[in-house]
Each structure stands twice: as C-alpha cells, then as structure tokens.
C-alpha cells in the first residue's frame, strides 16, 4: 500500500491486518516507520524509486494506491504531476512485472470538476477544474489502459478523527462567531466518513465483481454548505450562523482567514454524487451519518480546545 502512513491509509492497514492480510507499506523515510500500524512491513522509498516499488510488489496479490499530493496550495505543479501521474505509472509498471491481480486506485470526485448541476454518475463527463483532479483523471486513463486488473474509486471529501485539520478551522470560526455562509449556502458538498471509506475499500478488495470497474464513493446524501455549517454550530452549542458573504469576497479574504485554496474550492463546490453502482455491485451502504460522524469530530475539537487552556 502506498500512503500507508496517512490518516486514511493507517485506518485501512489496521483493517487489512485484522482480516488476516500481510500488509506492506511504502513510506518516504525511515523516520516514518513509527507512523505505520503495528504489523506493517515497511518499504522505504517514493514513487520514483522503481527498484523499491518492484521489491514491494513482488509476490503481492493486491496493491492499494492511496499516496498522492492533494493539497495544491502546498506543492508546485511539476511536483504534483510527477508524484500523482508519473508515480502511478511507475507503480503500474511494477505491478505488471509482479503480475499483481488487483490494483485499487483511489481517485477523486474532483475529476468531474468543481461545480456541476446534474447528478454525477461514473459515466458522467470528466472536466476537472483543478490540478489535483486533472492529475487523477490522467492517472485513471493510465490505470484503465495498463492491462492490470483494477478498480478506480472516485472518493468524496473524507472526514473523521484522522482528517480533522480543515474541519477544525470551520469549528473555530463558529466558536469565535466569525463563520459566514458563502453565497446562498445551497451548493451541495459531497463527503464520506473515513470508516465507511475503509469498508468500501475492503469490499472492493474482497469481491471480484469490482474488477475493471469505477465507483463513486460518498455517503450518498445531498448535503448543502449551509446545512453542514448549521449542524456543526448546533453540535457545538453555538448560535445558528446567519451571515452570508459573496464568493468573490471570500477569495479576497481567504489568506487573512487562513483558508487554503483547496479548502475554499471544497466549500464552494456543487456536486451531488450517485453511488448506486457500488451499492448494486457490492452491496455497499454507508453507515455513519453526518450527525454521528459530525458529533465525533466536534467532540474531538472541544477536547483539543480544553487541552490548550
């Protein structure tokens, strides 16, 4: 698994080990070994180290490719494309040599673009509007043409205790009374809890019907920006946010408010994702509601704020 030491990767590694799998994790430096769950076999290198990739893939039956540069604000375009596109090609080459039987590629709903009026199915037109989404679209094409049996997962924005940073910014703004709803707040935000994503990836690994298929993965609910912000305020016991601000103004104030471009793109996106295919093929059903998952995240935020005092 690439990205084994990331928040999503660690959760998946633990689940794979619990079901009896031997898991090899690719990490960039030896210092990251401590970030891997107990029982993971570490391989030190990056996606440009073809020798390490070949060694890690030798004898492996399934490869999960989670590693990617997703935060455009923190990387240069060339670095992002080398990691996400060239790195995926290098890994696919290693999989071919080792005759890996299943390559599971984590893509993103960003391949559809940021704002779409129609319900998005796996057959919808891909028109990415950011570099991350574009890099994933290119890699999807490489994966499908590689000859390696694959599954592509187009994943919504993931939330959960391991992916808290951006959401904590929103909670802090609510706590301080600085939160404003962007536009009319009726744009649709697609999300999924990390534990549901882990279950989806395990189902893909263990079901041959997922071979050579593409799946959207979200909680299947058409949340709005306003409903999510109001729920967070309710869970925090804070006043219901009522102030609205123009999207252009937010872009002007983003740096001042410590809002990264990727975070702003999410808050102003408009996407309703259809997950009927993964439900029909694999029987996947999201279990964690936003009320339960949101409360979990808010409680963690409150605990961290108390620790600071």
C-alpha atoms as a PDB file:
ATOM      1  CA  UNK A   1       0.000   0.000   0.000  1.00  0.00           C
ATOM      2  CA  UNK A   2       1.193   3.465  -0.853  1.00  0.00           C
ATOM      3  CA  UNK A   3       0.113   6.188   1.557  1.00  0.00           C
ATOM      4  CA  UNK A   4       0.036   3.613   4.367  1.00  0.00           C
ATOM      5  CA  UNK A   5       1.129   6.182   6.945  1.00  0.00           C
ATOM      6  CA  UNK A   6      -1.586   8.695   6.017  1.00  0.00           C
ATOM      7  CA  UNK A   7      -4.788   9.106   8.005  1.00  0.00           C
ATOM      8  CA  UNK A   8      -6.860   7.000   5.595  1.00  0.00           C
ATOM      9  CA  UNK A   9      -4.032   4.540   4.986  1.00  0.00           C
ATOM     10  CA  UNK A  10      -3.486   3.781   8.674  1.00  0.00           C
ATOM     11  CA  UNK A  11      -7.166   3.009   9.161  1.00  0.00           C
ATOM     12  CA  UNK A  12      -7.182   0.709   6.137  1.00  0.00           C
ATOM     13  CA  UNK A  13      -3.934  -1.041   7.138  1.00  0.00           C
ATOM     14  CA  UNK A  14      -5.358  -1.872  10.564  1.00  0.00           C
ATOM     15  CA  UNK A  15      -8.500  -3.323   8.978  1.00  0.00           C
ATOM     16  CA  UNK A  16      -6.495  -5.390   6.477  1.00  0.00           C
ATOM     17  CA  UNK A  17      -4.269  -6.819   9.202  1.00  0.00           C
ATOM     18  CA  UNK A  18      -7.330  -7.613  11.316  1.00  0.00           C
ATOM     19  CA  UNK A  19      -8.772  -9.689   8.457  1.00  0.00           C
ATOM     20  CA  UNK A  20      -5.511 -11.620   8.208  1.00  0.00           C
ATOM     21  CA  UNK A  21      -3.724  -9.894   5.327  1.00  0.00           C
ATOM     22  CA  UNK A  22       0.019  -9.295   5.204  1.00  0.00           C
ATOM     23  CA  UNK A  23       0.449  -5.586   4.503  1.00  0.00           C
ATOM     24  CA  UNK A  24       3.491  -3.872   3.029  1.00  0.00           C
ATOM     25  CA  UNK A  25       3.567  -0.113   3.406  1.00  0.00           C
ATOM     26  CA  UNK A  26       5.549   2.305   1.259  1.00  0.00           C
ATOM     27  CA  UNK A  27       6.959   5.252   3.250  1.00  0.00           C
ATOM     28  CA  UNK A  28       9.284   8.053   2.142  1.00  0.00           C
ATOM     29  CA  UNK A  29      11.777   7.935   5.039  1.00  0.00           C
ATOM     30  CA  UNK A  30      12.838   5.569   7.818  1.00  0.00           C
ATOM     31  CA  UNK A  31      11.598   8.142  10.320  1.00  0.00           C
ATOM     32  CA  UNK A  32       8.030   7.444   9.165  1.00  0.00           C
ATOM     33  CA  UNK A  33       8.145   3.806  10.278  1.00  0.00           C
ATOM     34  CA  UNK A  34       6.667   4.779  13.646  1.00  0.00           C
ATOM     35  CA  UNK A  35       3.617   6.177  11.822  1.00  0.00           C
ATOM     36  CA  UNK A  36       2.718   2.731  10.485  1.00  0.00           C
ATOM     37  CA  UNK A  37       0.289   0.496  12.377  1.00  0.00           C
ATOM     38  CA  UNK A  38       1.870  -2.440  14.190  1.00  0.00           C
ATOM     39  CA  UNK A  39       2.427  -5.400  11.893  1.00  0.00           C
ATOM     40  CA  UNK A  40       3.025  -3.388   8.724  1.00  0.00           C
ATOM     41  CA  UNK A  41       6.083  -4.405   6.692  1.00  0.00           C
ATOM     42  CA  UNK A  42       7.838  -1.129   5.763  1.00  0.00           C
ATOM     43  CA  UNK A  43       9.428  -0.354   2.411  1.00  0.00           C
ATOM     44  CA  UNK A  44      11.340   2.931   2.326  1.00  0.00           C
ATOM     45  CA  UNK A  45      11.247   4.918  -0.896  1.00  0.00           C
ATOM     46  CA  UNK A  46       8.965   7.030  -3.041  1.00  0.00           C
ATOM     47  CA  UNK A  47       7.010   6.580  -6.242  1.00  0.00           C
ATOM     48  CA  UNK A  48      10.071   7.387  -8.359  1.00  0.00           C
ATOM     49  CA  UNK A  49      12.135   4.567  -6.798  1.00  0.00           C
ATOM     50  CA  UNK A  50      11.376   1.836  -9.321  1.00  0.00           C
ATOM     51  CA  UNK A  51      13.609  -0.737  -7.596  1.00  0.00           C
ATOM     52  CA  UNK A  52      11.789  -0.262  -4.278  1.00  0.00           C
ATOM     53  CA  UNK A  53       8.395  -0.410  -5.988  1.00  0.00           C
ATOM     54  CA  UNK A  54       9.314  -3.670  -7.727  1.00  0.00           C
ATOM     55  CA  UNK A  55      10.588  -5.164  -4.478  1.00  0.00           C
ATOM     56  CA  UNK A  56       7.443  -4.125  -2.598  1.00  0.00           C
ATOM     57  CA  UNK A  57       5.126  -5.522  -5.292  1.00  0.00           C
ATOM     58  CA  UNK A  58       6.937  -8.842  -5.704  1.00  0.00           C
ATOM     59  CA  UNK A  59       4.577 -11.605  -4.638  1.00  0.00           C
ATOM     60  CA  UNK A  60       1.785  -9.156  -3.746  1.00  0.00           C
ATOM     61  CA  UNK A  61      -1.723 -10.044  -4.867  1.00  0.00           C
ATOM     62  CA  UNK A  62      -3.374  -6.644  -4.295  1.00  0.00           C
ATOM     63  CA  UNK A  63      -1.958  -3.116  -4.429  1.00  0.00           C
ATOM     64  CA  UNK A  64      -3.780  -0.171  -2.846  1.00  0.00           C
ATOM     65  CA  UNK A  65      -2.524   3.106  -4.298  1.00  0.00           C
ATOM     66  CA  UNK A  66      -3.502   5.842  -1.835  1.00  0.00           C
ATOM     67  CA  UNK A  67      -0.476   8.144  -1.981  1.00  0.00           C
ATOM     68  CA  UNK A  68      -0.947  11.450  -3.800  1.00  0.00           C
ATOM     69  CA  UNK A  69      -0.369  15.146  -3.479  1.00  0.00           C
ATOM     70  CA  UNK A  70      -3.864  16.557  -2.978  1.00  0.00           C
ATOM     71  CA  UNK A  71      -3.204  19.984  -1.462  1.00  0.00           C
ATOM     72  CA  UNK A  72      -2.354  22.268  -4.377  1.00  0.00           C
ATOM     73  CA  UNK A  73      -1.617  25.170  -2.043  1.00  0.00           C
ATOM     74  CA  UNK A  74       1.328  23.249  -0.590  1.00  0.00           C
ATOM     75  CA  UNK A  75       3.028  21.996  -3.754  1.00  0.00           C
ATOM     76  CA  UNK A  76       4.254  23.141  -7.137  1.00  0.00           C
ATOM     77  CA  UNK A  77       2.544  21.928 -10.291  1.00  0.00           C
ATOM     78  CA  UNK A  78       5.546  19.930 -11.508  1.00  0.00           C
ATOM     79  CA  UNK A  79       5.925  18.185  -8.170  1.00  0.00           C
ATOM     80  CA  UNK A  80       2.218  17.328  -8.072  1.00  0.00           C
ATOM     81  CA  UNK A  81       2.203  15.901 -11.592  1.00  0.00           C
ATOM     82  CA  UNK A  82       5.397  13.884 -11.058  1.00  0.00           C
ATOM     83  CA  UNK A  83       4.041  12.332  -7.888  1.00  0.00           C
ATOM     84  CA  UNK A  84       0.462  11.748  -8.971  1.00  0.00           C
ATOM     85  CA  UNK A  85       0.867  10.863 -12.655  1.00  0.00           C
ATOM     86  CA  UNK A  86       4.437   9.627 -13.152  1.00  0.00           C
ATOM     87  CA  UNK A  87       4.396   7.923  -9.765  1.00  0.00           C
ATOM     88  CA  UNK A  88       1.240   5.995 -10.657  1.00  0.00           C
ATOM     89  CA  UNK A  89       2.798   4.891 -13.953  1.00  0.00           C
ATOM     90  CA  UNK A  90       5.897   3.641 -12.123  1.00  0.00           C
ATOM     91  CA  UNK A  91       3.750   1.678  -9.703  1.00  0.00           C
ATOM     92  CA  UNK A  92       1.679   0.189 -12.532  1.00  0.00           C
ATOM     93  CA  UNK A  93       4.901  -0.964 -14.241  1.00  0.00           C
ATOM     94  CA  UNK A  94       5.968  -2.696 -11.027  1.00  0.00           C
ATOM     95  CA  UNK A  95       2.538  -4.325 -10.756  1.00  0.00           C
ATOM     96  CA  UNK A  96       2.816  -5.669 -14.320  1.00  0.00           C
ATOM     97  CA  UNK A  97       6.204  -7.234 -13.614  1.00  0.00           C
ATOM     98  CA  UNK A  98       4.884  -8.908 -10.476  1.00  0.00           C
ATOM     99  CA  UNK A  99       1.579  -9.915 -12.097  1.00  0.00           C
ATOM    100  CA  UNK A 100      -0.454  -8.218  -9.348  1.00  0.00           C
ATOM    101  CA  UNK A 101      -4.029  -9.474  -9.622  1.00  0.00           C
ATOM    102  CA  UNK A 102      -5.820  -6.308  -8.429  1.00  0.00           C
ATOM    103  CA  UNK A 103      -4.757  -2.642  -8.484  1.00  0.00           C
ATOM    104  CA  UNK A 104      -7.067  -0.465  -6.360  1.00  0.00           C
ATOM    105  CA  UNK A 105      -6.660   3.202  -7.245  1.00  0.00           C
ATOM    106  CA  UNK A 106      -8.030   5.990  -5.089  1.00  0.00           C
ATOM    107  CA  UNK A 107      -9.161   8.813  -7.340  1.00  0.00           C
ATOM    108  CA  UNK A 108     -11.412  11.758  -6.509  1.00  0.00           C
ATOM    109  CA  UNK A 109     -14.734  13.299  -7.451  1.00  0.00           C
ATOM    110  CA  UNK A 110     -12.631  16.315  -8.462  1.00  0.00           C
ATOM    111  CA  UNK A 111     -12.275  14.605 -11.853  1.00  0.00           C
ATOM    112  CA  UNK A 112     -15.858  15.769 -12.514  1.00  0.00           C
ATOM    113  CA  UNK A 113     -14.988  19.415 -11.878  1.00  0.00           C
ATOM    114  CA  UNK A 114     -15.942  21.722  -9.029  1.00  0.00           C
ATOM    115  CA  UNK A 115     -19.462  22.787  -9.950  1.00  0.00           C
ATOM    116  CA  UNK A 116     -21.934  20.536 -11.735  1.00  0.00           C
ATOM    117  CA  UNK A 117     -25.694  20.888 -11.995  1.00  0.00           C
ATOM    118  CA  UNK A 118     -26.505  17.241 -12.789  1.00  0.00           C
ATOM    119  CA  UNK A 119     -26.263  14.188 -10.532  1.00  0.00           C
ATOM    120  CA  UNK A 120     -22.847  12.695 -11.187  1.00  0.00           C
ATOM    121  CA  UNK A 121     -22.558   9.082 -12.268  1.00  0.00           C
ATOM    122  CA  UNK A 122     -19.438   7.149 -13.183  1.00  0.00           C
ATOM    123  CA  UNK A 123     -20.309   7.716 -16.842  1.00  0.00           C
ATOM    124  CA  UNK A 124     -20.542  11.498 -16.458  1.00  0.00           C
ATOM    125  CA  UNK A 125     -18.180  13.697 -18.447  1.00  0.00           C
ATOM    126  CA  UNK A 126     -14.837  14.378 -16.749  1.00  0.00           C
ATOM    127  CA  UNK A 127     -13.995  18.086 -16.742  1.00  0.00           C
ATOM    128  CA  UNK A 128     -11.552  18.673 -13.864  1.00  0.00           C
ATOM    129  CA  UNK A 129     -11.066  22.297 -12.913  1.00  0.00           C
ATOM    130  CA  UNK A 130      -8.043  21.934 -10.623  1.00  0.00           C
ATOM    131  CA  UNK A 131      -4.583  20.388 -10.973  1.00  0.00           C
ATOM    132  CA  UNK A 132      -5.266  17.610  -8.492  1.00  0.00           C
ATOM    133  CA  UNK A 133      -8.410  16.499 -10.318  1.00  0.00           C
ATOM    134  CA  UNK A 134      -6.617  16.749 -13.660  1.00  0.00           C
ATOM    135  CA  UNK A 135      -3.728  14.588 -12.427  1.00  0.00           C
ATOM    136  CA  UNK A 136      -6.166  11.961 -11.178  1.00  0.00           C
ATOM    137  CA  UNK A 137      -8.042  11.940 -14.489  1.00  0.00           C
ATOM    138  CA  UNK A 138      -4.785  11.284 -16.344  1.00  0.00           C
ATOM    139  CA  UNK A 139      -3.887   8.506 -13.924  1.00  0.00           C
ATOM    140  CA  UNK A 140      -7.328   6.928 -14.280  1.00  0.00           C
ATOM    141  CA  UNK A 141      -6.652   6.696 -18.010  1.00  0.00           C
ATOM    142  CA  UNK A 142      -3.266   5.069 -17.378  1.00  0.00           C
ATOM    143  CA  UNK A 143      -4.772   2.603 -14.901  1.00  0.00           C
ATOM    144  CA  UNK A 144      -7.536   1.558 -17.296  1.00  0.00           C
ATOM    145  CA  UNK A 145      -5.063   1.093 -20.172  1.00  0.00           C
ATOM    146  CA  UNK A 146      -2.385  -0.712 -18.143  1.00  0.00           C
ATOM    147  CA  UNK A 147      -3.622  -4.273 -18.535  1.00  0.00           C
ATOM    148  CA  UNK A 148      -3.506  -4.720 -14.755  1.00  0.00           C
ATOM    149  CA  UNK A 149      -6.906  -5.713 -13.277  1.00  0.00           C
ATOM    150  CA  UNK A 150      -8.108  -2.590 -11.487  1.00  0.00           C
ATOM    151  CA  UNK A 151     -10.766  -0.800  -9.528  1.00  0.00           C
ATOM    152  CA  UNK A 152     -10.971   3.001  -9.525  1.00  0.00           C
ATOM    153  CA  UNK A 153     -12.633   4.720  -6.577  1.00  0.00           C
ATOM    154  CA  UNK A 154     -13.769   8.315  -7.078  1.00  0.00           C
ATOM    155  CA  UNK A 155     -13.896   9.443  -3.496  1.00  0.00           C
ATOM    156  CA  UNK A 156     -15.738  12.399  -1.985  1.00  0.00           C
ATOM    157  CA  UNK A 157     -14.140  14.611   0.678  1.00  0.00           C
ATOM    158  CA  UNK A 158     -13.238  12.400   3.631  1.00  0.00           C
ATOM    159  CA  UNK A 159     -13.957  13.391   7.215  1.00  0.00           C
ATOM    160  CA  UNK A 160     -13.247  11.665  10.520  1.00  0.00           C
ATOM    161  CA  UNK A 161     -10.919  11.873  13.505  1.00  0.00           C
ATOM    162  CA  UNK A 162      -7.843  11.377  11.318  1.00  0.00           C
ATOM    163  CA  UNK A 163      -8.743  14.120   8.822  1.00  0.00           C
ATOM    164  CA  UNK A 164      -9.574  16.957  11.157  1.00  0.00           C
ATOM    165  CA  UNK A 165      -7.408  19.971  10.267  1.00  0.00           C
ATOM    166  CA  UNK A 166      -9.625  21.739   7.734  1.00  0.00           C
ATOM    167  CA  UNK A 167     -12.825  20.999   9.645  1.00  0.00           C
ATOM    168  CA  UNK A 168     -11.299  22.360  12.849  1.00  0.00           C
ATOM    169  CA  UNK A 169     -10.794  25.693  11.062  1.00  0.00           C
ATOM    170  CA  UNK A 170     -14.542  25.831  10.443  1.00  0.00           C
ATOM    171  CA  UNK A 171     -15.333  24.855  14.038  1.00  0.00           C
ATOM    172  CA  UNK A 172     -13.010  27.545  15.363  1.00  0.00           C
ATOM    173  CA  UNK A 173     -14.662  30.180  13.176  1.00  0.00           C
ATOM    174  CA  UNK A 174     -18.062  29.066  14.517  1.00  0.00           C
ATOM    175  CA  UNK A 175     -16.792  29.205  18.096  1.00  0.00           C
ATOM    176  CA  UNK A 176     -15.389  32.714  17.601  1.00  0.00           C
ATOM    177  CA  UNK A 177     -18.540  33.924  15.814  1.00  0.00           C
ATOM    178  CA  UNK A 178     -16.659  34.584  12.580  1.00  0.00           C
ATOM    179  CA  UNK A 179     -18.288  31.983  10.345  1.00  0.00           C
ATOM    180  CA  UNK A 180     -20.079  33.181   7.240  1.00  0.00           C
ATOM    181  CA  UNK A 181     -22.016  31.140   4.716  1.00  0.00           C
ATOM    182  CA  UNK A 182     -20.627  31.557   1.216  1.00  0.00           C
ATOM    183  CA  UNK A 183     -23.251  32.646  -1.312  1.00  0.00           C
ATOM    184  CA  UNK A 184     -26.740  31.340  -0.578  1.00  0.00           C
ATOM    185  CA  UNK A 185     -25.253  28.201   1.014  1.00  0.00           C
ATOM    186  CA  UNK A 186     -27.384  25.856  -1.096  1.00  0.00           C
ATOM    187  CA  UNK A 187     -24.463  24.367  -3.016  1.00  0.00           C
ATOM    188  CA  UNK A 188     -24.076  20.625  -2.461  1.00  0.00           C
ATOM    189  CA  UNK A 189     -20.999  19.214  -0.705  1.00  0.00           C
ATOM    190  CA  UNK A 190     -20.153  15.520  -1.087  1.00  0.00           C
ATOM    191  CA  UNK A 191     -18.490  13.798   1.868  1.00  0.00           C
ATOM    192  CA  UNK A 192     -17.840  10.364   3.366  1.00  0.00           C
ATOM    193  CA  UNK A 193     -16.743   9.220   6.812  1.00  0.00           C
ATOM    194  CA  UNK A 194     -13.321   7.551   6.896  1.00  0.00           C
ATOM    195  CA  UNK A 195     -14.703   4.332   8.411  1.00  0.00           C
ATOM    196  CA  UNK A 196     -17.240   3.999   5.594  1.00  0.00           C
ATOM    197  CA  UNK A 197     -14.479   4.561   3.042  1.00  0.00           C
ATOM    198  CA  UNK A 198     -12.404   1.839   4.703  1.00  0.00           C
ATOM    199  CA  UNK A 199     -15.351  -0.566   4.480  1.00  0.00           C
ATOM    200  CA  UNK A 200     -15.820   0.279   0.806  1.00  0.00           C
ATOM    201  CA  UNK A 201     -12.157  -0.430   0.051  1.00  0.00           C
ATOM    202  CA  UNK A 202     -12.299  -3.767   1.890  1.00  0.00           C
ATOM    203  CA  UNK A 203     -15.393  -4.731  -0.091  1.00  0.00           C
ATOM    204  CA  UNK A 204     -13.596  -3.876  -3.327  1.00  0.00           C
ATOM    205  CA  UNK A 205     -10.578  -5.969  -2.330  1.00  0.00           C
ATOM    206  CA  UNK A 206     -12.681  -8.995  -1.434  1.00  0.00           C
ATOM    207  CA  UNK A 207     -15.153  -9.035  -4.318  1.00  0.00           C
ATOM    208  CA  UNK A 208     -14.146 -10.000  -7.865  1.00  0.00           C
ATOM    209  CA  UNK A 209     -17.160  -8.108  -9.219  1.00  0.00           C
ATOM    210  CA  UNK A 210     -15.193  -4.897  -8.621  1.00  0.00           C
ATOM    211  CA  UNK A 211     -12.543  -5.816 -11.196  1.00  0.00           C
ATOM    212  CA  UNK A 212     -12.236  -3.277 -14.023  1.00  0.00           C
ATOM    213  CA  UNK A 213     -14.975  -1.118 -12.512  1.00  0.00           C
ATOM    214  CA  UNK A 214     -15.145   2.533 -11.493  1.00  0.00           C
ATOM    215  CA  UNK A 215     -17.106   3.531  -8.388  1.00  0.00           C
ATOM    216  CA  UNK A 216     -18.211   6.792  -6.836  1.00  0.00           C
ATOM    217  CA  UNK A 217     -17.828   6.635  -3.055  1.00  0.00           C
ATOM    218  CA  UNK A 218     -19.684   9.078  -0.789  1.00  0.00           C
ATOM    219  CA  UNK A 219     -22.304   8.917   1.958  1.00  0.00           C
ATOM    220  CA  UNK A 220     -24.945   9.312  -0.743  1.00  0.00           C
ATOM    221  CA  UNK A 221     -26.562  12.366   0.865  1.00  0.00           C
ATOM    222  CA  UNK A 222     -27.021  15.713  -0.885  1.00  0.00           C
ATOM    223  CA  UNK A 223     -25.716  17.921   1.930  1.00  0.00           C
ATOM    224  CA  UNK A 224     -25.665  21.678   1.453  1.00  0.00           C
ATOM    225  CA  UNK A 225     -22.947  24.003   2.685  1.00  0.00           C
ATOM    226  CA  UNK A 226     -25.488  25.780   4.896  1.00  0.00           C
ATOM    227  CA  UNK A 227     -26.882  22.575   6.423  1.00  0.00           C
ATOM    228  CA  UNK A 228     -23.403  21.307   7.332  1.00  0.00           C
ATOM    229  CA  UNK A 229     -22.345  24.594   8.929  1.00  0.00           C
ATOM    230  CA  UNK A 230     -25.601  24.861  10.851  1.00  0.00           C
ATOM    231  CA  UNK A 231     -25.262  21.269  12.076  1.00  0.00           C
ATOM    232  CA  UNK A 232     -21.732  21.979  13.293  1.00  0.00           C
ATOM    233  CA  UNK A 233     -22.968  25.066  15.167  1.00  0.00           C
ATOM    234  CA  UNK A 234     -25.797  23.059  16.734  1.00  0.00           C
ATOM    235  CA  UNK A 235     -23.417  20.316  17.865  1.00  0.00           C
ATOM    236  CA  UNK A 236     -21.147  22.962  19.388  1.00  0.00           C
ATOM    237  CA  UNK A 237     -23.994  24.740  21.139  1.00  0.00           C
ATOM    238  CA  UNK A 238     -23.196  27.896  19.173  1.00  0.00           C
ATOM    239  CA  UNK A 239     -25.656  30.396  17.644  1.00  0.00           C
ATOM    240  CA  UNK A 240     -27.055  29.483  14.255  1.00  0.00           C
ATOM    241  CA  UNK A 241     -24.863  31.153  11.580  1.00  0.00           C
ATOM    242  CA  UNK A 242     -26.910  33.601   9.556  1.00  0.00           C
ATOM    243  CA  UNK A 243     -24.388  35.881   7.833  1.00  0.00           C
ATOM    244  CA  UNK A 244     -23.743  35.356   4.132  1.00  0.00           C
ATOM    245  CA  UNK A 245     -20.820  36.553   2.059  1.00  0.00           C
ATOM    246  CA  UNK A 246     -20.118  36.703  -1.665  1.00  0.00           C
ATOM    247  CA  UNK A 247     -17.723  34.052  -3.002  1.00  0.00           C
ATOM    248  CA  UNK A 248     -15.529  36.738  -4.590  1.00  0.00           C
ATOM    249  CA  UNK A 249     -15.125  38.491  -1.237  1.00  0.00           C
ATOM    250  CA  UNK A 250     -14.149  35.201   0.428  1.00  0.00           C
ATOM    251  CA  UNK A 251     -11.447  34.677  -2.182  1.00  0.00           C
ATOM    252  CA  UNK A 252     -10.068  38.116  -1.353  1.00  0.00           C
ATOM    253  CA  UNK A 253     -10.080  37.373   2.399  1.00  0.00           C
ATOM    254  CA  UNK A 254      -9.023  33.717   2.217  1.00  0.00           C
ATOM    255  CA  UNK A 255      -5.394  34.209   3.226  1.00  0.00           C
ATOM    256  CA  UNK A 256      -6.334  36.561   6.037  1.00  0.00           C
ATOM    257  CA  UNK A 257      -8.680  33.880   7.398  1.00  0.00           C
ATOM    258  CA  UNK A 258      -6.117  31.098   6.990  1.00  0.00           C
ATOM    259  CA  UNK A 259      -8.275  29.418   4.347  1.00  0.00           C
ATOM    260  CA  UNK A 260      -6.292  27.478   1.749  1.00  0.00           C
ATOM    261  CA  UNK A 261      -7.370  27.448  -1.891  1.00  0.00           C
ATOM    262  CA  UNK A 262      -8.223  23.728  -1.693  1.00  0.00           C
ATOM    263  CA  UNK A 263     -10.486  24.314   1.301  1.00  0.00           C
ATOM    264  CA  UNK A 264     -12.228  27.202  -0.429  1.00  0.00           C
ATOM    265  CA  UNK A 265     -12.812  25.094  -3.526  1.00  0.00           C
ATOM    266  CA  UNK A 266     -14.491  22.434  -1.386  1.00  0.00           C
ATOM    267  CA  UNK A 267     -16.764  24.915   0.424  1.00  0.00           C
ATOM    268  CA  UNK A 268     -17.872  26.499  -2.859  1.00  0.00           C
ATOM    269  CA  UNK A 269     -18.171  23.261  -4.844  1.00  0.00           C
ATOM    270  CA  UNK A 270     -21.525  21.924  -6.030  1.00  0.00           C
ATOM    271  CA  UNK A 271     -21.668  18.181  -6.636  1.00  0.00           C
ATOM    272  CA  UNK A 272     -24.286  15.518  -5.982  1.00  0.00           C
ATOM    273  CA  UNK A 273     -22.705  12.095  -6.432  1.00  0.00           C
ATOM    274  CA  UNK A 274     -24.662   8.970  -7.322  1.00  0.00           C
ATOM    275  CA  UNK A 275     -23.427   5.821  -5.527  1.00  0.00           C
ATOM    276  CA  UNK A 276     -25.995   3.357  -6.895  1.00  0.00           C
ATOM    277  CA  UNK A 277     -23.347   1.384  -8.818  1.00  0.00           C
ATOM    278  CA  UNK A 278     -21.238   0.395  -5.778  1.00  0.00           C
ATOM    279  CA  UNK A 279     -24.447  -0.359  -3.883  1.00  0.00           C
ATOM    280  CA  UNK A 280     -25.729  -2.639  -6.665  1.00  0.00           C
ATOM    281  CA  UNK A 281     -22.410  -4.371  -7.403  1.00  0.00           C
ATOM    282  CA  UNK A 282     -21.012  -4.834  -3.907  1.00  0.00           C
ATOM    283  CA  UNK A 283     -23.864  -4.123  -1.506  1.00  0.00           C
ATOM    284  CA  UNK A 284     -22.099  -1.090  -0.041  1.00  0.00           C
ATOM    285  CA  UNK A 285     -24.226   1.010   2.299  1.00  0.00           C
ATOM    286  CA  UNK A 286     -22.798   3.992   4.219  1.00  0.00           C
ATOM    287  CA  UNK A 287     -23.321   3.513   7.953  1.00  0.00           C
ATOM    288  CA  UNK A 288     -22.032   6.702   9.573  1.00  0.00           C
ATOM    289  CA  UNK A 289     -24.493   9.595   9.360  1.00  0.00           C
ATOM    290  CA  UNK A 290     -23.246  13.160   9.371  1.00  0.00           C
ATOM    291  CA  UNK A 291     -24.964  13.656  12.743  1.00  0.00           C
ATOM    292  CA  UNK A 292     -22.917  10.844  14.319  1.00  0.00           C
ATOM    293  CA  UNK A 293     -19.670  11.499  12.456  1.00  0.00           C
ATOM    294  CA  UNK A 294     -20.002  15.254  12.925  1.00  0.00           C
ATOM    295  CA  UNK A 295     -20.549  14.878  16.675  1.00  0.00           C
ATOM    296  CA  UNK A 296     -17.447  12.682  16.882  1.00  0.00           C
ATOM    297  CA  UNK A 297     -15.378  15.373  15.172  1.00  0.00           C
ATOM    298  CA  UNK A 298     -16.853  18.254  17.186  1.00  0.00           C
ATOM    299  CA  UNK A 299     -16.206  16.400  20.458  1.00  0.00           C
ATOM    300  CA  UNK A 300     -12.582  15.923  19.461  1.00  0.00           C
ATOM    301  CA  UNK A 301     -12.297  19.630  18.642  1.00  0.00           C
ATOM    302  CA  UNK A 302     -13.730  20.593  22.048  1.00  0.00           C
ATOM    303  CA  UNK A 303     -11.286  18.236  23.785  1.00  0.00           C
ATOM    304  CA  UNK A 304      -8.341  19.803  21.936  1.00  0.00           C
ATOM    305  CA  UNK A 305      -9.522  23.306  22.801  1.00  0.00           C
ATOM    306  CA  UNK A 306      -9.754  22.382  26.505  1.00  0.00           C
ATOM    307  CA  UNK A 307      -6.215  20.960  26.388  1.00  0.00           C
ATOM    308  CA  UNK A 308      -4.929  24.331  25.156  1.00  0.00           C
ATOM    309  CA  UNK A 309      -6.357  26.180  28.158  1.00  0.00           C
END
